[in-house]
């Protein structure tokens, strides 16, 4: 332990005298203390100073590191801490940071919210936001185009289905198969065959049978035109129209060119 009667000011004065060239023996005589007591006091004082110096250096390095990570310029750090710029640079080098590593670490700390974002990071965030908005606008435009395309395809499909349905209905109406089936089922009532009925032979009995069956076809298939009945009967539309007119089932022949059944 240091002698209680030797204050820090006394020890610092003794050290100053020693540095000026005075021997420890002369200094101990001046202070009227034992030489060993003075030596022990100086040793303990210097040890404490070294510890305080190391602590101060650690604190100073931490402060410099914090300011560098915050993006402060070295000259500004030196002015704030009362140091010269070269000393700050030495601390900067002793911390083991090169420019790229320091920039990457600073950027990471800013992204994590541990440091205030720099102008460079704010610009990058703004660019990323603009890029995200641009991509979102492109995606919306693409979705709109795709929706319009799908809508057009659905409308075209609906039109095609309607056209196919109308064409199928038209084909069914044009088909004489239902009429031929009806004749096959009813021609026996008149004692003639289907070939005779639809043939070129003319006699009174066949003429009467043809008129009756023309009327029955008109009544059985009221939505079919005269031309269709004429094709079923293998007759000219005008003759069918005259037969219907005589029987009181007047139908004007439609002007549709349909080939006669073979």
C-alpha atoms as a PDB file:
ATOM      1  CA  UNK A   1       0.000   0.000   0.000  1.00  0.00           C
ATOM      2  CA  UNK A   2       1.090   3.557  -0.633  1.00  0.00           C
ATOM      3  CA  UNK A   3       2.086   5.607   2.412  1.00  0.00           C
ATOM      4  CA  UNK A   4      -0.927   7.638   3.542  1.00  0.00           C
ATOM      5  CA  UNK A   5       1.181  10.805   3.959  1.00  0.00           C
ATOM      6  CA  UNK A   6       2.126  10.845   0.226  1.00  0.00           C
ATOM      7  CA  UNK A   7      -0.640  12.284  -1.915  1.00  0.00           C
ATOM      8  CA  UNK A   8      -0.952  11.857  -5.669  1.00  0.00           C
ATOM      9  CA  UNK A   9       0.237  15.450  -6.148  1.00  0.00           C
ATOM     10  CA  UNK A  10       3.390  14.709  -4.108  1.00  0.00           C
ATOM     11  CA  UNK A  11       4.079  11.544  -6.089  1.00  0.00           C
ATOM     12  CA  UNK A  12       3.513  13.333  -9.415  1.00  0.00           C
ATOM     13  CA  UNK A  13       5.945  16.056  -8.235  1.00  0.00           C
ATOM     14  CA  UNK A  14       8.540  13.419  -7.338  1.00  0.00           C
ATOM     15  CA  UNK A  15       8.158  11.811 -10.749  1.00  0.00           C
ATOM     16  CA  UNK A  16       8.590  15.216 -12.396  1.00  0.00           C
ATOM     17  CA  UNK A  17      11.798  15.817 -10.414  1.00  0.00           C
ATOM     18  CA  UNK A  18      13.081  12.389 -11.433  1.00  0.00           C
ATOM     19  CA  UNK A  19      12.389  13.151 -15.094  1.00  0.00           C
ATOM     20  CA  UNK A  20      14.296  16.435 -14.688  1.00  0.00           C
ATOM     21  CA  UNK A  21      17.403  14.505 -13.571  1.00  0.00           C
ATOM     22  CA  UNK A  22      17.173  14.458  -9.764  1.00  0.00           C
ATOM     23  CA  UNK A  23      17.990  11.129  -8.131  1.00  0.00           C
ATOM     24  CA  UNK A  24      15.492   9.203  -6.021  1.00  0.00           C
ATOM     25  CA  UNK A  25      17.769   9.545  -3.005  1.00  0.00           C
ATOM     26  CA  UNK A  26      17.783  13.336  -3.247  1.00  0.00           C
ATOM     27  CA  UNK A  27      14.042  13.399  -3.800  1.00  0.00           C
ATOM     28  CA  UNK A  28      13.448  11.204  -0.716  1.00  0.00           C
ATOM     29  CA  UNK A  29      15.642  13.567   1.343  1.00  0.00           C
ATOM     30  CA  UNK A  30      13.675  16.553  -0.020  1.00  0.00           C
ATOM     31  CA  UNK A  31      10.380  14.977   0.909  1.00  0.00           C
ATOM     32  CA  UNK A  32      11.758  13.635   4.172  1.00  0.00           C
ATOM     33  CA  UNK A  33      10.566  10.093   3.498  1.00  0.00           C
ATOM     34  CA  UNK A  34      12.252   6.756   3.423  1.00  0.00           C
ATOM     35  CA  UNK A  35      13.662   5.839   0.008  1.00  0.00           C
ATOM     36  CA  UNK A  36      11.880   2.480  -0.040  1.00  0.00           C
ATOM     37  CA  UNK A  37       8.613   4.128   0.953  1.00  0.00           C
ATOM     38  CA  UNK A  38       8.939   6.619  -1.895  1.00  0.00           C
ATOM     39  CA  UNK A  39       9.795   3.867  -4.383  1.00  0.00           C
ATOM     40  CA  UNK A  40       6.811   1.769  -3.339  1.00  0.00           C
ATOM     41  CA  UNK A  41       4.479   4.760  -3.582  1.00  0.00           C
ATOM     42  CA  UNK A  42       5.724   5.620  -7.073  1.00  0.00           C
ATOM     43  CA  UNK A  43       5.388   2.006  -8.241  1.00  0.00           C
ATOM     44  CA  UNK A  44       1.793   1.705  -6.990  1.00  0.00           C
ATOM     45  CA  UNK A  45       0.923   5.081  -8.487  1.00  0.00           C
ATOM     46  CA  UNK A  46       2.306   4.175 -11.905  1.00  0.00           C
ATOM     47  CA  UNK A  47       0.478   0.835 -11.862  1.00  0.00           C
ATOM     48  CA  UNK A  48      -2.778   2.637 -11.170  1.00  0.00           C
ATOM     49  CA  UNK A  49      -2.035   5.150 -13.886  1.00  0.00           C
ATOM     50  CA  UNK A  50      -1.400   2.358 -16.362  1.00  0.00           C
ATOM     51  CA  UNK A  51      -4.714   0.744 -15.463  1.00  0.00           C
ATOM     52  CA  UNK A  52      -6.499   4.069 -15.803  1.00  0.00           C
ATOM     53  CA  UNK A  53      -4.712   4.685 -19.081  1.00  0.00           C
ATOM     54  CA  UNK A  54      -5.761   1.297 -20.492  1.00  0.00           C
ATOM     55  CA  UNK A  55      -9.346   1.917 -19.408  1.00  0.00           C
ATOM     56  CA  UNK A  56      -9.308   5.359 -20.977  1.00  0.00           C
ATOM     57  CA  UNK A  57      -7.819   3.966 -24.183  1.00  0.00           C
ATOM     58  CA  UNK A  58     -10.504   1.279 -24.329  1.00  0.00           C
ATOM     59  CA  UNK A  59     -13.236   3.836 -23.751  1.00  0.00           C
ATOM     60  CA  UNK A  60     -11.675   6.142 -26.333  1.00  0.00           C
ATOM     61  CA  UNK A  61     -11.448   3.322 -28.889  1.00  0.00           C
ATOM     62  CA  UNK A  62     -15.086   2.399 -28.259  1.00  0.00           C
ATOM     63  CA  UNK A  63     -16.151   6.024 -28.710  1.00  0.00           C
ATOM     64  CA  UNK A  64     -14.132   6.356 -31.918  1.00  0.00           C
ATOM     65  CA  UNK A  65     -15.573   3.080 -33.223  1.00  0.00           C
ATOM     66  CA  UNK A  66     -19.117   4.224 -32.427  1.00  0.00           C
ATOM     67  CA  UNK A  67     -18.578   7.521 -34.221  1.00  0.00           C
ATOM     68  CA  UNK A  68     -16.979   5.845 -37.236  1.00  0.00           C
ATOM     69  CA  UNK A  69     -19.843   3.365 -37.498  1.00  0.00           C
ATOM     70  CA  UNK A  70     -22.281   6.263 -37.307  1.00  0.00           C
ATOM     71  CA  UNK A  71     -20.616   7.682 -40.414  1.00  0.00           C
ATOM     72  CA  UNK A  72     -18.860  10.624 -38.771  1.00  0.00           C
ATOM     73  CA  UNK A  73     -15.801  11.916 -40.564  1.00  0.00           C
ATOM     74  CA  UNK A  74     -12.440  11.398 -38.913  1.00  0.00           C
ATOM     75  CA  UNK A  75     -11.703  15.102 -38.745  1.00  0.00           C
ATOM     76  CA  UNK A  76     -15.048  15.711 -37.026  1.00  0.00           C
ATOM     77  CA  UNK A  77     -14.349  12.861 -34.593  1.00  0.00           C
ATOM     78  CA  UNK A  78     -10.947  14.351 -33.811  1.00  0.00           C
ATOM     79  CA  UNK A  79     -12.478  17.777 -33.148  1.00  0.00           C
ATOM     80  CA  UNK A  80     -15.212  16.345 -30.917  1.00  0.00           C
ATOM     81  CA  UNK A  81     -12.750  14.279 -28.851  1.00  0.00           C
ATOM     82  CA  UNK A  82     -10.004  16.919 -28.754  1.00  0.00           C
ATOM     83  CA  UNK A  83      -7.544  14.776 -30.709  1.00  0.00           C
ATOM     84  CA  UNK A  84      -5.564  15.187 -33.869  1.00  0.00           C
ATOM     85  CA  UNK A  85      -6.797  13.465 -37.001  1.00  0.00           C
ATOM     86  CA  UNK A  86      -3.706  11.242 -37.226  1.00  0.00           C
ATOM     87  CA  UNK A  87      -4.401   9.869 -33.745  1.00  0.00           C
ATOM     88  CA  UNK A  88      -7.970   9.094 -34.740  1.00  0.00           C
ATOM     89  CA  UNK A  89      -6.640   7.384 -37.878  1.00  0.00           C
ATOM     90  CA  UNK A  90      -4.311   5.256 -35.741  1.00  0.00           C
ATOM     91  CA  UNK A  91      -7.238   4.208 -33.569  1.00  0.00           C
ATOM     92  CA  UNK A  92      -9.236   3.568 -36.731  1.00  0.00           C
ATOM     93  CA  UNK A  93      -6.470   1.283 -38.037  1.00  0.00           C
ATOM     94  CA  UNK A  94      -6.051  -0.453 -34.667  1.00  0.00           C
ATOM     95  CA  UNK A  95      -9.731  -1.409 -34.689  1.00  0.00           C
ATOM     96  CA  UNK A  96      -9.071  -3.642 -37.711  1.00  0.00           C
ATOM     97  CA  UNK A  97     -11.594  -1.974 -40.030  1.00  0.00           C
ATOM     98  CA  UNK A  98     -10.839  -1.377 -43.653  1.00  0.00           C
ATOM     99  CA  UNK A  99     -13.114   0.905 -45.652  1.00  0.00           C
ATOM    100  CA  UNK A 100     -15.191  -1.884 -47.242  1.00  0.00           C
ATOM    101  CA  UNK A 101     -15.663  -3.807 -44.007  1.00  0.00           C
ATOM    102  CA  UNK A 102     -16.598  -0.661 -42.128  1.00  0.00           C
ATOM    103  CA  UNK A 103     -19.091   0.316 -44.846  1.00  0.00           C
ATOM    104  CA  UNK A 104     -20.673  -3.163 -44.841  1.00  0.00           C
ATOM    105  CA  UNK A 105     -20.908  -3.222 -41.039  1.00  0.00           C
ATOM    106  CA  UNK A 106     -22.368   0.277 -40.954  1.00  0.00           C
ATOM    107  CA  UNK A 107     -24.933  -0.682 -43.601  1.00  0.00           C
ATOM    108  CA  UNK A 108     -25.938  -3.782 -41.626  1.00  0.00           C
ATOM    109  CA  UNK A 109     -26.344  -1.812 -38.413  1.00  0.00           C
ATOM    110  CA  UNK A 110     -28.435   0.780 -40.251  1.00  0.00           C
ATOM    111  CA  UNK A 111     -30.642  -1.898 -41.790  1.00  0.00           C
ATOM    112  CA  UNK A 112     -31.142  -3.463 -38.350  1.00  0.00           C
ATOM    113  CA  UNK A 113     -32.156  -0.083 -36.965  1.00  0.00           C
ATOM    114  CA  UNK A 114     -29.162   0.171 -34.609  1.00  0.00           C
ATOM    115  CA  UNK A 115     -27.884   3.236 -36.468  1.00  0.00           C
ATOM    116  CA  UNK A 116     -29.722   6.055 -38.153  1.00  0.00           C
ATOM    117  CA  UNK A 117     -29.995   5.345 -41.902  1.00  0.00           C
ATOM    118  CA  UNK A 118     -27.544   7.205 -44.090  1.00  0.00           C
ATOM    119  CA  UNK A 119     -28.428   9.142 -47.224  1.00  0.00           C
ATOM    120  CA  UNK A 120     -27.036   6.296 -49.317  1.00  0.00           C
ATOM    121  CA  UNK A 121     -29.251   3.756 -47.546  1.00  0.00           C
ATOM    122  CA  UNK A 122     -32.273   6.050 -47.846  1.00  0.00           C
ATOM    123  CA  UNK A 123     -31.602   6.373 -51.588  1.00  0.00           C
ATOM    124  CA  UNK A 124     -31.339   2.607 -51.870  1.00  0.00           C
ATOM    125  CA  UNK A 125     -34.594   2.146 -49.984  1.00  0.00           C
ATOM    126  CA  UNK A 126     -36.264   4.720 -52.241  1.00  0.00           C
ATOM    127  CA  UNK A 127     -34.951   2.931 -55.339  1.00  0.00           C
ATOM    128  CA  UNK A 128     -36.184  -0.414 -53.981  1.00  0.00           C
ATOM    129  CA  UNK A 129     -39.596   1.119 -53.268  1.00  0.00           C
ATOM    130  CA  UNK A 130     -39.757   2.575 -56.786  1.00  0.00           C
ATOM    131  CA  UNK A 131     -38.742  -0.764 -58.255  1.00  0.00           C
ATOM    132  CA  UNK A 132     -41.384  -2.547 -56.175  1.00  0.00           C
ATOM    133  CA  UNK A 133     -44.035  -0.068 -57.331  1.00  0.00           C
ATOM    134  CA  UNK A 134     -42.920  -0.503 -60.938  1.00  0.00           C
ATOM    135  CA  UNK A 135     -43.091  -4.282 -60.684  1.00  0.00           C
ATOM    136  CA  UNK A 136     -46.504  -4.064 -59.008  1.00  0.00           C
ATOM    137  CA  UNK A 137     -47.760  -1.794 -61.808  1.00  0.00           C
ATOM    138  CA  UNK A 138     -46.390  -4.189 -64.429  1.00  0.00           C
ATOM    139  CA  UNK A 139     -48.047  -7.119 -62.647  1.00  0.00           C
ATOM    140  CA  UNK A 140     -51.362  -5.259 -62.484  1.00  0.00           C
ATOM    141  CA  UNK A 141     -51.127  -4.406 -66.186  1.00  0.00           C
ATOM    142  CA  UNK A 142     -50.287  -8.018 -66.983  1.00  0.00           C
ATOM    143  CA  UNK A 143     -53.208  -9.241 -64.873  1.00  0.00           C
ATOM    144  CA  UNK A 144     -55.550  -6.800 -66.609  1.00  0.00           C
ATOM    145  CA  UNK A 145     -54.346  -7.908 -70.042  1.00  0.00           C
ATOM    146  CA  UNK A 146     -54.722 -11.555 -69.056  1.00  0.00           C
ATOM    147  CA  UNK A 147     -58.208 -10.891 -67.648  1.00  0.00           C
ATOM    148  CA  UNK A 148     -59.262  -9.134 -70.865  1.00  0.00           C
ATOM    149  CA  UNK A 149     -57.806 -11.985 -72.901  1.00  0.00           C
ATOM    150  CA  UNK A 150     -59.657 -14.558 -70.812  1.00  0.00           C
ATOM    151  CA  UNK A 151     -62.845 -12.524 -71.132  1.00  0.00           C
ATOM    152  CA  UNK A 152     -62.460 -12.375 -74.913  1.00  0.00           C
ATOM    153  CA  UNK A 153     -61.757 -16.097 -75.036  1.00  0.00           C
ATOM    154  CA  UNK A 154     -64.816 -16.837 -72.904  1.00  0.00           C
ATOM    155  CA  UNK A 155     -66.986 -14.587 -75.095  1.00  0.00           C
ATOM    156  CA  UNK A 156     -65.621 -16.212 -78.256  1.00  0.00           C
ATOM    157  CA  UNK A 157     -66.226 -19.660 -76.781  1.00  0.00           C
ATOM    158  CA  UNK A 158     -69.798 -18.688 -75.887  1.00  0.00           C
ATOM    159  CA  UNK A 159     -70.346 -17.348 -79.414  1.00  0.00           C
ATOM    160  CA  UNK A 160     -68.900 -20.517 -80.928  1.00  0.00           C
ATOM    161  CA  UNK A 161     -71.094 -22.688 -78.736  1.00  0.00           C
ATOM    162  CA  UNK A 162     -74.140 -20.627 -79.719  1.00  0.00           C
ATOM    163  CA  UNK A 163     -73.168 -20.891 -83.392  1.00  0.00           C
ATOM    164  CA  UNK A 164     -72.663 -24.631 -83.061  1.00  0.00           C
ATOM    165  CA  UNK A 165     -76.037 -24.966 -81.332  1.00  0.00           C
ATOM    166  CA  UNK A 166     -77.756 -22.971 -84.060  1.00  0.00           C
ATOM    167  CA  UNK A 167     -75.976 -24.953 -86.755  1.00  0.00           C
ATOM    168  CA  UNK A 168     -76.909 -28.216 -85.042  1.00  0.00           C
ATOM    169  CA  UNK A 169     -80.517 -27.073 -84.762  1.00  0.00           C
ATOM    170  CA  UNK A 170     -80.470 -26.018 -88.388  1.00  0.00           C
ATOM    171  CA  UNK A 171     -79.012 -29.352 -89.435  1.00  0.00           C
ATOM    172  CA  UNK A 172     -81.629 -31.165 -87.406  1.00  0.00           C
ATOM    173  CA  UNK A 173     -84.363 -29.119 -89.020  1.00  0.00           C
ATOM    174  CA  UNK A 174     -82.899 -29.667 -92.464  1.00  0.00           C
ATOM    175  CA  UNK A 175     -82.597 -33.390 -91.890  1.00  0.00           C
ATOM    176  CA  UNK A 176     -85.472 -35.349 -93.411  1.00  0.00           C
ATOM    177  CA  UNK A 177     -84.846 -38.416 -91.257  1.00  0.00           C
ATOM    178  CA  UNK A 178     -87.698 -37.638 -88.823  1.00  0.00           C
ATOM    179  CA  UNK A 179     -90.079 -37.197 -91.763  1.00  0.00           C
ATOM    180  CA  UNK A 180     -88.953 -40.415 -93.433  1.00  0.00           C
ATOM    181  CA  UNK A 181     -89.363 -42.269 -90.153  1.00  0.00           C
ATOM    182  CA  UNK A 182     -92.898 -40.936 -89.842  1.00  0.00           C
ATOM    183  CA  UNK A 183     -93.701 -42.047 -93.407  1.00  0.00           C
ATOM    184  CA  UNK A 184     -92.283 -45.515 -92.813  1.00  0.00           C
ATOM    185  CA  UNK A 185     -94.492 -45.876 -89.761  1.00  0.00           C
ATOM    186  CA  UNK A 186     -97.694 -44.606 -91.441  1.00  0.00           C
ATOM    187  CA  UNK A 187     -97.477 -45.375 -95.170  1.00  0.00           C
ATOM    188  CA  UNK A 188     -98.882 -48.880 -94.677  1.00  0.00           C
ATOM    189  CA  UNK A 189    -102.258 -47.350 -93.833  1.00  0.00           C
ATOM    190  CA  UNK A 190    -102.658 -46.406 -97.483  1.00  0.00           C
ATOM    191  CA  UNK A 191    -101.560 -49.756 -98.858  1.00  0.00           C
ATOM    192  CA  UNK A 192     -98.463 -48.406-100.595  1.00  0.00           C
ATOM    193  CA  UNK A 193     -94.761 -48.609 -99.968  1.00  0.00           C
ATOM    194  CA  UNK A 194     -92.416 -45.750 -99.165  1.00  0.00           C
ATOM    195  CA  UNK A 195     -90.704 -46.109-102.522  1.00  0.00           C
ATOM    196  CA  UNK A 196     -94.027 -45.927-104.350  1.00  0.00           C
ATOM    197  CA  UNK A 197     -95.083 -42.924-102.299  1.00  0.00           C
ATOM    198  CA  UNK A 198     -91.887 -41.036-103.066  1.00  0.00           C
ATOM    199  CA  UNK A 199     -91.548 -42.345-106.617  1.00  0.00           C
ATOM    200  CA  UNK A 200     -92.522 -40.883-109.972  1.00  0.00           C
ATOM    201  CA  UNK A 201     -95.651 -43.011-110.497  1.00  0.00           C
ATOM    202  CA  UNK A 202     -98.911 -41.051-110.654  1.00  0.00           C
ATOM    203  CA  UNK A 203    -102.396 -42.440-110.062  1.00  0.00           C
ATOM    204  CA  UNK A 204    -105.400 -41.326-108.132  1.00  0.00           C
ATOM    205  CA  UNK A 205    -104.720 -43.558-105.123  1.00  0.00           C
ATOM    206  CA  UNK A 206    -101.128 -42.462-104.799  1.00  0.00           C
ATOM    207  CA  UNK A 207    -102.159 -38.821-105.260  1.00  0.00           C
ATOM    208  CA  UNK A 208    -104.705 -39.125-102.458  1.00  0.00           C
ATOM    209  CA  UNK A 209    -102.194 -40.861-100.182  1.00  0.00           C
ATOM    210  CA  UNK A 210     -99.618 -38.197-100.923  1.00  0.00           C
ATOM    211  CA  UNK A 211    -102.050 -35.385-100.069  1.00  0.00           C
ATOM    212  CA  UNK A 212    -103.034 -37.060 -96.784  1.00  0.00           C
ATOM    213  CA  UNK A 213     -99.421 -37.645 -95.763  1.00  0.00           C
ATOM    214  CA  UNK A 214     -98.405 -34.119 -96.734  1.00  0.00           C
ATOM    215  CA  UNK A 215    -101.112 -32.777 -94.437  1.00  0.00           C
ATOM    216  CA  UNK A 216    -100.061 -35.162 -91.646  1.00  0.00           C
ATOM    217  CA  UNK A 217     -96.428 -34.089 -91.988  1.00  0.00           C
ATOM    218  CA  UNK A 218     -97.483 -30.440 -91.817  1.00  0.00           C
ATOM    219  CA  UNK A 219     -99.494 -31.126 -88.663  1.00  0.00           C
ATOM    220  CA  UNK A 220     -96.874 -33.368 -87.063  1.00  0.00           C
ATOM    221  CA  UNK A 221     -93.965 -31.012 -87.820  1.00  0.00           C
ATOM    222  CA  UNK A 222     -95.533 -27.534 -87.723  1.00  0.00           C
ATOM    223  CA  UNK A 223     -92.163 -25.782 -87.454  1.00  0.00           C
ATOM    224  CA  UNK A 224     -90.811 -27.271 -90.679  1.00  0.00           C
ATOM    225  CA  UNK A 225     -91.153 -25.315 -93.928  1.00  0.00           C
ATOM    226  CA  UNK A 226     -92.870 -26.475 -97.111  1.00  0.00           C
ATOM    227  CA  UNK A 227     -89.497 -27.117 -98.707  1.00  0.00           C
ATOM    228  CA  UNK A 228     -88.678 -29.633 -95.971  1.00  0.00           C
ATOM    229  CA  UNK A 229     -91.987 -31.459 -96.481  1.00  0.00           C
ATOM    230  CA  UNK A 230     -91.291 -31.438-100.236  1.00  0.00           C
ATOM    231  CA  UNK A 231     -87.902 -33.060 -99.655  1.00  0.00           C
ATOM    232  CA  UNK A 232     -89.443 -35.712 -97.416  1.00  0.00           C
ATOM    233  CA  UNK A 233     -92.112 -36.475-100.016  1.00  0.00           C
ATOM    234  CA  UNK A 234     -89.666 -36.059-102.924  1.00  0.00           C
ATOM    235  CA  UNK A 235     -91.999 -33.517-104.518  1.00  0.00           C
ATOM    236  CA  UNK A 236     -91.731 -29.967-105.777  1.00  0.00           C
ATOM    237  CA  UNK A 237     -92.444 -27.330-103.100  1.00  0.00           C
ATOM    238  CA  UNK A 238     -95.182 -25.753-105.203  1.00  0.00           C
ATOM    239  CA  UNK A 239     -97.099 -29.027-105.488  1.00  0.00           C
ATOM    240  CA  UNK A 240     -96.816 -29.500-101.723  1.00  0.00           C
ATOM    241  CA  UNK A 241     -98.004 -25.928-101.171  1.00  0.00           C
ATOM    242  CA  UNK A 242    -100.997 -26.477-103.483  1.00  0.00           C
ATOM    243  CA  UNK A 243    -101.891 -29.707-101.667  1.00  0.00           C
ATOM    244  CA  UNK A 244    -101.767 -27.959 -98.308  1.00  0.00           C
ATOM    245  CA  UNK A 245    -103.803 -25.060 -99.662  1.00  0.00           C
ATOM    246  CA  UNK A 246    -106.505 -27.388-100.908  1.00  0.00           C
ATOM    247  CA  UNK A 247    -106.576 -29.148 -97.536  1.00  0.00           C
ATOM    248  CA  UNK A 248    -106.911 -25.825 -95.701  1.00  0.00           C
ATOM    249  CA  UNK A 249    -103.315 -25.835 -94.378  1.00  0.00           C
ATOM    250  CA  UNK A 250    -102.001 -22.939 -96.391  1.00  0.00           C
ATOM    251  CA  UNK A 251     -98.232 -22.474 -96.266  1.00  0.00           C
ATOM    252  CA  UNK A 252     -96.359 -20.300 -98.683  1.00  0.00           C
ATOM    253  CA  UNK A 253     -93.224 -22.059 -99.856  1.00  0.00           C
ATOM    254  CA  UNK A 254     -90.112 -20.402 -98.485  1.00  0.00           C
ATOM    255  CA  UNK A 255     -87.526 -19.256-100.946  1.00  0.00           C
ATOM    256  CA  UNK A 256     -84.817 -21.601 -99.689  1.00  0.00           C
ATOM    257  CA  UNK A 257     -82.905 -23.594-102.253  1.00  0.00           C
ATOM    258  CA  UNK A 258     -82.757 -27.104-100.837  1.00  0.00           C
ATOM    259  CA  UNK A 259     -81.918 -30.066-103.042  1.00  0.00           C
ATOM    260  CA  UNK A 260     -84.564 -32.723-103.468  1.00  0.00           C
ATOM    261  CA  UNK A 261     -83.868 -36.012-101.775  1.00  0.00           C
ATOM    262  CA  UNK A 262     -82.590 -38.638-104.132  1.00  0.00           C
END
